[in-house]
Every structure is written in structure tokens, then in C-alpha cells.
Amino acid sequence: MTSEESVVVTADEAHKNYEQTLLCRAHLQADFLKLGSLLKDNRDLSLYKFLGYDDFNDYLGAPELGFHRSTAYKLIGIVELYLDKLNVPAERLIKIGTTSLDKIKGVVEKDVEGWLDKAEHLSVSSLNETIGRGPGTKLSPPTPAPASSPPHKGWDQEQYLKHVKGSPCCVCGQSPATMAHFPRTKVRCSQPWHVIPLCGVCHRLQEDGGKDWCWENRKFWGEWFYSNIHRGE
């Protein structure tokens, strides 16, 4: 085989490899979408009870399933938002992929077609930059403040909570935001400084995902806290 023939064969193999990779990706994304629907049905219809589990989280942690709660709730959230609420065709969601769909979940309802188009054609890093979460000047880590004292000198509890209420979501940037307890969920924290702004979608994900969700999104809280509270004016 000549060198030129070798190059042709290699290029042909590369093309076949690429086409097979795209096909496998499509199948994988379709399975993820179907998985999200199955998990949602199991949760909403309490099907886990008929399998001997006390609650949905116990079902997710079963040895034969072993789902990470944050992953399961992310897939359920994608189904609820894009299929149930926005009625986006499944074929388009499969083409975009769960990673990009999860990235735009907090902003997509402002311009559904525009954000879906961006998610379909932009890389994840470019999508991050478009949303406003891309690489930039790194913030210095905040100096820890005692939980019993205000993080901003001169602010009392009422001023802090007022600032939180008027802030956009610290995870996705969407407004308006609700006041959410962080890092604990579904219980009232003892200190007002543990309250952060979350939009309705992110607040629901926080409640469903619990500590796992809080841990995965702690960097967004840290950036917001340092930029808006600790550094102050």
C-alpha cells in the first residue's frame, strides 16, 4: 500500500468512527430522555412503593440501580421542563443533549427558540460564556465569617434578607428569585446568612436534590456571596 493509499484508508476509518460515534451519542441521549421519563413516572405515581421502598430516594439508591440523586433529578427536571412544559420535540432534545439542556434550564423560558438554537449549535464552553458562567477573572475565595455575625459590615439581618430577595438566582442568573435555605433544605436555618437567592426551578432542584445538589452548586453560591455580600461596597 502506498503512502497516499494509506492516508485515504485512515481518513475513511476516521469518518466511519465519527459517524458511529454520532450514532451512539444519539442512542445514549435518547436513553437518557427515556430514563428521565421512567424515573418521573416512578416518583409521581409512587411506583416505588409497589417494589418495597419507603420513598423515592431509597428506590434510587437500590444496589441494582445505584442512581446518584442529583443525576436522577436532573433528568427528571429536563423531562418536566422541555417535554411537559415547553413541548419541545424529543428528537430535538436528543440532538442537543442533556448537558446543554441542563445548562440553559434557568434561562430558556425567556427565549425558548433562541436558547434552544444556541444549545444546539454552540459548544458547552461557548454556551457557558453566553449564559454568563464562562471563564473570566477568577474571584478570590471569601474570608469565612462566623455564622452568627453578618457577612457584610453594617448590615443587619433585615438588610441582608432584603438584598437576597432583590437578587437574581445565584446559580443560573434568572429573575425573580426566591429565598432558599443553604446548605440545608426543607428546614429553617438558625441564621439568616444561610439564605440565598434561587429561582423557582433551581429552588425545586435544591429541594429534590438535597445535600448532593448543594454540594455540586456550592461554587455558584460562593461566587455570589463574595461578589455581593462579603466584598460589599
C-alpha atoms as a PDB file:
ATOM      1  CA  MET A   1       0.000   0.000   0.000  1.00  0.00           C
ATOM      2  CA  THR A   2       1.386   3.390  -0.974  1.00  0.00           C
ATOM      3  CA  SER A   3       1.529   6.312   1.441  1.00  0.00           C
ATOM      4  CA  GLU A   4      -1.282   8.035  -0.446  1.00  0.00           C
ATOM      5  CA  GLU A   5      -3.485   4.931  -0.205  1.00  0.00           C
ATOM      6  CA  SER A   6      -2.678   4.697   3.480  1.00  0.00           C
ATOM      7  CA  VAL A   7      -3.860   8.275   4.025  1.00  0.00           C
ATOM      8  CA  VAL A   8      -7.122   7.532   2.185  1.00  0.00           C
ATOM      9  CA  VAL A   9      -7.767   4.427   4.297  1.00  0.00           C
ATOM     10  CA  THR A  10      -7.009   6.305   7.512  1.00  0.00           C
ATOM     11  CA  ALA A  11      -9.324   9.172   6.540  1.00  0.00           C
ATOM     12  CA  ASP A  12     -12.078   6.692   5.690  1.00  0.00           C
ATOM     13  CA  GLU A  13     -11.704   4.965   9.055  1.00  0.00           C
ATOM     14  CA  ALA A  14     -11.796   8.325  10.828  1.00  0.00           C
ATOM     15  CA  HIS A  15     -15.021   9.216   9.018  1.00  0.00           C
ATOM     16  CA  LYS A  16     -16.638   5.867   9.905  1.00  0.00           C
ATOM     17  CA  ASN A  17     -15.531   6.268  13.508  1.00  0.00           C
ATOM     18  CA  TYR A  18     -17.069   9.750  13.643  1.00  0.00           C
ATOM     19  CA  GLU A  19     -20.379   8.583  12.164  1.00  0.00           C
ATOM     20  CA  GLN A  20     -20.580   5.665  14.605  1.00  0.00           C
ATOM     21  CA  THR A  21     -19.762   7.991  17.495  1.00  0.00           C
ATOM     22  CA  LEU A  22     -22.607  10.326  16.496  1.00  0.00           C
ATOM     23  CA  LEU A  23     -24.986   7.375  16.247  1.00  0.00           C
ATOM     24  CA  CYS A  24     -24.007   6.065  19.677  1.00  0.00           C
ATOM     25  CA  ARG A  25     -24.387   9.561  21.133  1.00  0.00           C
ATOM     26  CA  ALA A  26     -27.906   9.850  19.719  1.00  0.00           C
ATOM     27  CA  HIS A  27     -28.855   6.491  21.210  1.00  0.00           C
ATOM     28  CA  LEU A  28     -27.329   7.489  24.543  1.00  0.00           C
ATOM     29  CA  GLN A  29     -29.229  10.780  24.689  1.00  0.00           C
ATOM     30  CA  ALA A  30     -32.459   9.025  23.716  1.00  0.00           C
ATOM     31  CA  ASP A  31     -31.923   6.548  26.548  1.00  0.00           C
ATOM     32  CA  PHE A  32     -31.284   9.404  28.989  1.00  0.00           C
ATOM     33  CA  LEU A  33     -34.531  11.078  27.947  1.00  0.00           C
ATOM     34  CA  LYS A  34     -36.445   7.819  28.314  1.00  0.00           C
ATOM     35  CA  LEU A  35     -34.758   7.223  31.664  1.00  0.00           C
ATOM     36  CA  GLY A  36     -35.869  10.638  32.895  1.00  0.00           C
ATOM     37  CA  SER A  37     -39.464   9.849  31.911  1.00  0.00           C
ATOM     38  CA  LEU A  38     -39.357   6.470  33.663  1.00  0.00           C
ATOM     39  CA  LEU A  39     -37.926   7.969  36.841  1.00  0.00           C
ATOM     40  CA  LYS A  40     -40.509  10.764  36.767  1.00  0.00           C
ATOM     41  CA  ASP A  41     -43.367   8.262  36.430  1.00  0.00           C
ATOM     42  CA  ASN A  42     -41.965   6.179  39.251  1.00  0.00           C
ATOM     43  CA  ARG A  43     -41.755   9.227  41.520  1.00  0.00           C
ATOM     44  CA  ASP A  44     -45.052  10.857  40.570  1.00  0.00           C
ATOM     45  CA  LEU A  45     -47.087   7.639  40.688  1.00  0.00           C
ATOM     46  CA  SER A  46     -45.257   6.330  43.770  1.00  0.00           C
ATOM     47  CA  LEU A  47     -44.463   3.137  41.894  1.00  0.00           C
ATOM     48  CA  TYR A  48     -41.508   2.559  44.186  1.00  0.00           C
ATOM     49  CA  LYS A  49     -43.942   1.587  46.965  1.00  0.00           C
ATOM     50  CA  PHE A  50     -45.052  -1.427  44.976  1.00  0.00           C
ATOM     51  CA  LEU A  51     -41.416  -2.505  44.810  1.00  0.00           C
ATOM     52  CA  GLY A  52     -40.992  -2.410  48.565  1.00  0.00           C
ATOM     53  CA  TYR A  53     -39.353   1.009  49.019  1.00  0.00           C
ATOM     54  CA  ASP A  54     -40.499   3.596  51.546  1.00  0.00           C
ATOM     55  CA  ASP A  55     -39.610   6.614  49.424  1.00  0.00           C
ATOM     56  CA  PHE A  56     -38.247   7.541  46.018  1.00  0.00           C
ATOM     57  CA  ASN A  57     -34.741   8.290  47.256  1.00  0.00           C
ATOM     58  CA  ASP A  58     -34.470   4.789  48.739  1.00  0.00           C
ATOM     59  CA  TYR A  59     -35.508   3.435  45.355  1.00  0.00           C
ATOM     60  CA  LEU A  60     -32.799   5.442  43.602  1.00  0.00           C
ATOM     61  CA  GLY A  61     -30.183   4.077  45.984  1.00  0.00           C
ATOM     62  CA  ALA A  62     -31.108   0.443  45.439  1.00  0.00           C
ATOM     63  CA  PRO A  63     -27.971  -1.645  44.648  1.00  0.00           C
ATOM     64  CA  GLU A  64     -29.294  -2.733  41.267  1.00  0.00           C
ATOM     65  CA  LEU A  65     -29.981   0.886  40.293  1.00  0.00           C
ATOM     66  CA  GLY A  66     -27.442   2.953  42.198  1.00  0.00           C
ATOM     67  CA  PHE A  67     -28.561   6.312  40.824  1.00  0.00           C
ATOM     68  CA  HIS A  68     -26.940   9.452  42.161  1.00  0.00           C
ATOM     69  CA  ARG A  69     -29.876  11.565  43.340  1.00  0.00           C
ATOM     70  CA  SER A  70     -28.662  14.732  41.625  1.00  0.00           C
ATOM     71  CA  THR A  71     -28.345  12.878  38.303  1.00  0.00           C
ATOM     72  CA  ALA A  72     -31.811  11.366  38.594  1.00  0.00           C
ATOM     73  CA  TYR A  73     -33.446  14.686  39.487  1.00  0.00           C
ATOM     74  CA  LYS A  74     -31.567  16.442  36.696  1.00  0.00           C
ATOM     75  CA  LEU A  75     -33.023  14.034  34.149  1.00  0.00           C
ATOM     76  CA  ILE A  76     -36.481  14.370  35.668  1.00  0.00           C
ATOM     77  CA  GLY A  77     -36.148  18.153  35.549  1.00  0.00           C
ATOM     78  CA  ILE A  78     -35.256  18.037  31.855  1.00  0.00           C
ATOM     79  CA  VAL A  79     -38.355  15.952  31.096  1.00  0.00           C
ATOM     80  CA  GLU A  80     -40.602  18.232  33.160  1.00  0.00           C
ATOM     81  CA  LEU A  81     -39.283  21.439  31.635  1.00  0.00           C
ATOM     82  CA  TYR A  82     -38.663  20.604  27.985  1.00  0.00           C
ATOM     83  CA  LEU A  83     -41.147  17.816  27.243  1.00  0.00           C
ATOM     84  CA  ASP A  84     -44.019  18.536  29.616  1.00  0.00           C
ATOM     85  CA  LYS A  85     -43.931  22.333  29.931  1.00  0.00           C
ATOM     86  CA  LEU A  86     -42.317  23.633  26.718  1.00  0.00           C
ATOM     87  CA  ASN A  87     -43.420  20.772  24.427  1.00  0.00           C
ATOM     88  CA  VAL A  88     -40.079  20.596  22.641  1.00  0.00           C
ATOM     89  CA  PRO A  89     -39.923  17.582  20.275  1.00  0.00           C
ATOM     90  CA  ALA A  90     -37.917  14.701  21.730  1.00  0.00           C
ATOM     91  CA  GLU A  91     -35.860  14.465  18.548  1.00  0.00           C
ATOM     92  CA  ARG A  92     -34.553  17.986  19.054  1.00  0.00           C
ATOM     93  CA  LEU A  93     -33.764  17.375  22.707  1.00  0.00           C
ATOM     94  CA  ILE A  94     -31.806  14.255  21.761  1.00  0.00           C
ATOM     95  CA  LYS A  95     -29.802  16.256  19.234  1.00  0.00           C
ATOM     96  CA  ILE A  96     -28.984  18.975  21.786  1.00  0.00           C
ATOM     97  CA  GLY A  97     -28.077  16.594  24.595  1.00  0.00           C
ATOM     98  CA  THR A  98     -28.739  16.582  28.318  1.00  0.00           C
ATOM     99  CA  THR A  99     -25.600  18.534  29.260  1.00  0.00           C
ATOM    100  CA  SER A 100     -26.523  21.614  27.214  1.00  0.00           C
ATOM    101  CA  LEU A 101     -30.198  21.319  28.142  1.00  0.00           C
ATOM    102  CA  ASP A 102     -29.264  21.375  31.804  1.00  0.00           C
ATOM    103  CA  LYS A 103     -27.019  24.400  31.222  1.00  0.00           C
ATOM    104  CA  ILE A 104     -29.816  26.581  29.808  1.00  0.00           C
ATOM    105  CA  LYS A 105     -32.633  25.409  32.077  1.00  0.00           C
ATOM    106  CA  GLY A 106     -32.603  28.634  34.073  1.00  0.00           C
ATOM    107  CA  VAL A 107     -32.812  30.993  31.088  1.00  0.00           C
ATOM    108  CA  VAL A 108     -34.533  29.045  28.304  1.00  0.00           C
ATOM    109  CA  GLU A 109     -38.068  30.246  29.131  1.00  0.00           C
ATOM    110  CA  LYS A 110     -37.053  33.851  28.429  1.00  0.00           C
ATOM    111  CA  ASP A 111     -36.481  32.957  24.751  1.00  0.00           C
ATOM    112  CA  VAL A 112     -37.216  29.289  24.115  1.00  0.00           C
ATOM    113  CA  GLU A 113     -36.337  29.132  20.428  1.00  0.00           C
ATOM    114  CA  GLY A 114     -33.294  31.356  20.781  1.00  0.00           C
ATOM    115  CA  TRP A 115     -31.757  29.398  23.652  1.00  0.00           C
ATOM    116  CA  LEU A 116     -32.522  26.028  22.081  1.00  0.00           C
ATOM    117  CA  ASP A 117     -30.788  27.190  18.917  1.00  0.00           C
ATOM    118  CA  LYS A 118     -27.742  28.291  20.918  1.00  0.00           C
ATOM    119  CA  ALA A 119     -27.668  24.995  22.813  1.00  0.00           C
ATOM    120  CA  GLU A 120     -27.862  23.105  19.540  1.00  0.00           C
ATOM    121  CA  HIS A 121     -25.017  24.903  17.800  1.00  0.00           C
ATOM    122  CA  LEU A 122     -22.650  26.191  20.493  1.00  0.00           C
ATOM    123  CA  SER A 123     -20.071  24.197  22.394  1.00  0.00           C
ATOM    124  CA  VAL A 124     -20.616  23.780  26.126  1.00  0.00           C
ATOM    125  CA  SER A 125     -17.858  26.297  26.901  1.00  0.00           C
ATOM    126  CA  SER A 126     -19.320  28.852  24.462  1.00  0.00           C
ATOM    127  CA  LEU A 127     -22.760  28.232  25.908  1.00  0.00           C
ATOM    128  CA  ASN A 128     -21.374  28.880  29.384  1.00  0.00           C
ATOM    129  CA  GLU A 129     -19.943  32.198  28.223  1.00  0.00           C
ATOM    130  CA  THR A 130     -23.232  33.169  26.583  1.00  0.00           C
ATOM    131  CA  ILE A 131     -25.157  32.434  29.758  1.00  0.00           C
ATOM    132  CA  GLY A 132     -22.616  34.366  31.765  1.00  0.00           C
ATOM    133  CA  ARG A 133     -20.905  31.490  33.525  1.00  0.00           C
ATOM    134  CA  GLY A 134     -17.910  31.225  31.245  1.00  0.00           C
ATOM    135  CA  PRO A 135     -14.243  31.633  32.173  1.00  0.00           C
ATOM    136  CA  GLY A 136     -13.212  35.059  33.311  1.00  0.00           C
ATOM    137  CA  THR A 137     -11.368  36.749  36.089  1.00  0.00           C
ATOM    138  CA  LYS A 138     -11.336  34.368  38.987  1.00  0.00           C
ATOM    139  CA  LEU A 139     -12.623  35.674  42.251  1.00  0.00           C
ATOM    140  CA  SER A 140     -10.553  35.323  45.354  1.00  0.00           C
ATOM    141  CA  PRO A 141     -12.107  32.942  47.876  1.00  0.00           C
ATOM    142  CA  PRO A 142     -14.162  34.695  50.536  1.00  0.00           C
ATOM    143  CA  THR A 143     -12.840  35.002  54.025  1.00  0.00           C
ATOM    144  CA  PRO A 144     -15.081  32.859  56.236  1.00  0.00           C
ATOM    145  CA  ALA A 145     -17.327  34.815  58.567  1.00  0.00           C
ATOM    146  CA  PRO A 146     -18.815  33.465  61.785  1.00  0.00           C
ATOM    147  CA  ALA A 147     -22.317  32.145  61.175  1.00  0.00           C
ATOM    148  CA  SER A 148     -23.673  34.257  63.998  1.00  0.00           C
ATOM    149  CA  SER A 149     -22.387  37.562  62.625  1.00  0.00           C
ATOM    150  CA  PRO A 150     -23.398  39.415  59.435  1.00  0.00           C
ATOM    151  CA  PRO A 151     -21.066  38.831  56.452  1.00  0.00           C
ATOM    152  CA  HIS A 152     -21.340  42.480  55.438  1.00  0.00           C
ATOM    153  CA  LYS A 153     -20.281  45.073  57.989  1.00  0.00           C
ATOM    154  CA  GLY A 154     -23.097  47.459  58.709  1.00  0.00           C
ATOM    155  CA  TRP A 155     -25.843  45.100  57.540  1.00  0.00           C
ATOM    156  CA  ASP A 156     -28.378  43.707  59.948  1.00  0.00           C
ATOM    157  CA  GLN A 157     -30.494  40.630  59.281  1.00  0.00           C
ATOM    158  CA  GLU A 158     -33.307  42.585  57.653  1.00  0.00           C
ATOM    159  CA  GLN A 159     -30.928  44.320  55.226  1.00  0.00           C
ATOM    160  CA  TYR A 160     -29.281  41.042  54.291  1.00  0.00           C
ATOM    161  CA  LEU A 161     -32.569  39.279  53.590  1.00  0.00           C
ATOM    162  CA  LYS A 162     -33.795  42.279  51.593  1.00  0.00           C
ATOM    163  CA  HIS A 163     -30.667  42.083  49.438  1.00  0.00           C
ATOM    164  CA  VAL A 164     -31.185  38.355  48.886  1.00  0.00           C
ATOM    165  CA  LYS A 165     -34.821  38.913  47.901  1.00  0.00           C
ATOM    166  CA  GLY A 166     -33.805  41.505  45.298  1.00  0.00           C
ATOM    167  CA  SER A 167     -31.004  39.418  43.774  1.00  0.00           C
ATOM    168  CA  PRO A 168     -31.247  37.152  40.709  1.00  0.00           C
ATOM    169  CA  CYS A 169     -30.731  33.418  41.121  1.00  0.00           C
ATOM    170  CA  CYS A 170     -27.141  32.798  42.210  1.00  0.00           C
ATOM    171  CA  VAL A 171     -26.964  29.563  40.171  1.00  0.00           C
ATOM    172  CA  CYS A 172     -28.493  30.419  36.786  1.00  0.00           C
ATOM    173  CA  GLY A 173     -28.959  34.208  36.982  1.00  0.00           C
ATOM    174  CA  GLN A 174     -32.704  34.160  36.334  1.00  0.00           C
ATOM    175  CA  SER A 175     -35.063  36.653  37.982  1.00  0.00           C
ATOM    176  CA  PRO A 176     -37.129  36.823  40.064  1.00  0.00           C
ATOM    177  CA  ALA A 177     -35.563  34.629  42.715  1.00  0.00           C
ATOM    178  CA  THR A 178     -36.941  33.161  45.905  1.00  0.00           C
ATOM    179  CA  MET A 179     -35.157  32.933  49.242  1.00  0.00           C
ATOM    180  CA  ALA A 180     -33.792  29.443  49.844  1.00  0.00           C
ATOM    181  CA  HIS A 181     -32.033  27.947  52.847  1.00  0.00           C
ATOM    182  CA  PHE A 182     -28.481  26.818  52.159  1.00  0.00           C
ATOM    183  CA  PRO A 183     -26.902  24.345  52.616  1.00  0.00           C
ATOM    184  CA  ARG A 184     -29.752  22.659  54.465  1.00  0.00           C
ATOM    185  CA  THR A 185     -33.119  22.207  52.784  1.00  0.00           C
ATOM    186  CA  LYS A 186     -36.719  21.839  53.907  1.00  0.00           C
ATOM    187  CA  VAL A 187     -35.832  23.135  57.369  1.00  0.00           C
ATOM    188  CA  ARG A 188     -35.463  26.680  58.623  1.00  0.00           C
ATOM    189  CA  CYS A 189     -31.822  27.585  59.210  1.00  0.00           C
ATOM    190  CA  SER A 190     -30.888  29.161  62.508  1.00  0.00           C
ATOM    191  CA  GLN A 191     -29.018  32.032  60.847  1.00  0.00           C
ATOM    192  CA  PRO A 192     -30.288  34.423  58.135  1.00  0.00           C
ATOM    193  CA  TRP A 193     -26.841  34.363  56.494  1.00  0.00           C
ATOM    194  CA  HIS A 194     -27.654  30.838  55.303  1.00  0.00           C
ATOM    195  CA  VAL A 195     -30.353  32.155  52.965  1.00  0.00           C
ATOM    196  CA  ILE A 196     -29.520  32.530  49.258  1.00  0.00           C
ATOM    197  CA  PRO A 197     -31.454  33.616  46.134  1.00  0.00           C
ATOM    198  CA  LEU A 198     -32.677  30.786  43.897  1.00  0.00           C
ATOM    199  CA  CYS A 199     -35.186  30.921  41.039  1.00  0.00           C
ATOM    200  CA  GLY A 200     -38.194  28.625  41.179  1.00  0.00           C
ATOM    201  CA  VAL A 201     -36.586  25.931  39.013  1.00  0.00           C
ATOM    202  CA  CYS A 202     -33.285  25.865  40.928  1.00  0.00           C
ATOM    203  CA  HIS A 203     -35.137  26.011  44.259  1.00  0.00           C
ATOM    204  CA  ARG A 204     -37.121  22.920  43.282  1.00  0.00           C
ATOM    205  CA  LEU A 205     -33.938  21.153  42.212  1.00  0.00           C
ATOM    206  CA  GLN A 206     -32.327  22.086  45.512  1.00  0.00           C
ATOM    207  CA  GLU A 207     -35.231  20.668  47.494  1.00  0.00           C
ATOM    208  CA  ASP A 208     -35.309  17.490  45.427  1.00  0.00           C
ATOM    209  CA  GLY A 209     -31.550  17.034  45.298  1.00  0.00           C
ATOM    210  CA  GLY A 210     -30.840  17.937  48.923  1.00  0.00           C
ATOM    211  CA  LYS A 211     -27.243  17.989  50.097  1.00  0.00           C
ATOM    212  CA  ASP A 212     -25.970  16.483  46.840  1.00  0.00           C
ATOM    213  CA  TRP A 213     -27.361  19.392  44.837  1.00  0.00           C
ATOM    214  CA  CYS A 214     -25.984  21.923  47.316  1.00  0.00           C
ATOM    215  CA  TRP A 215     -22.536  20.369  47.123  1.00  0.00           C
ATOM    216  CA  GLU A 216     -22.498  20.363  43.310  1.00  0.00           C
ATOM    217  CA  ASN A 217     -23.591  24.011  43.110  1.00  0.00           C
ATOM    218  CA  ARG A 218     -21.602  25.411  46.036  1.00  0.00           C
ATOM    219  CA  LYS A 219     -19.257  27.312  43.714  1.00  0.00           C
ATOM    220  CA  PHE A 220     -22.117  29.467  42.396  1.00  0.00           C
ATOM    221  CA  TRP A 221     -23.141  30.352  45.947  1.00  0.00           C
ATOM    222  CA  GLY A 222     -19.501  31.150  46.757  1.00  0.00           C
ATOM    223  CA  GLU A 223     -19.165  33.494  43.767  1.00  0.00           C
ATOM    224  CA  TRP A 224     -22.428  35.252  44.570  1.00  0.00           C
ATOM    225  CA  PHE A 225     -21.595  35.558  48.262  1.00  0.00           C
ATOM    226  CA  TYR A 226     -18.167  37.040  47.603  1.00  0.00           C
ATOM    227  CA  SER A 227     -19.320  39.409  44.836  1.00  0.00           C
ATOM    228  CA  ASN A 228     -22.491  40.670  46.505  1.00  0.00           C
ATOM    229  CA  ILE A 229     -22.114  40.187  50.216  1.00  0.00           C
ATOM    230  CA  HIS A 230     -18.627  39.639  51.561  1.00  0.00           C
ATOM    231  CA  ARG A 231     -16.890  42.196  49.362  1.00  0.00           C
ATOM    232  CA  GLY A 232     -19.734  44.652  49.735  1.00  0.00           C
ATOM    233  CA  GLU A 233     -19.303  48.226  48.737  1.00  0.00           C
END
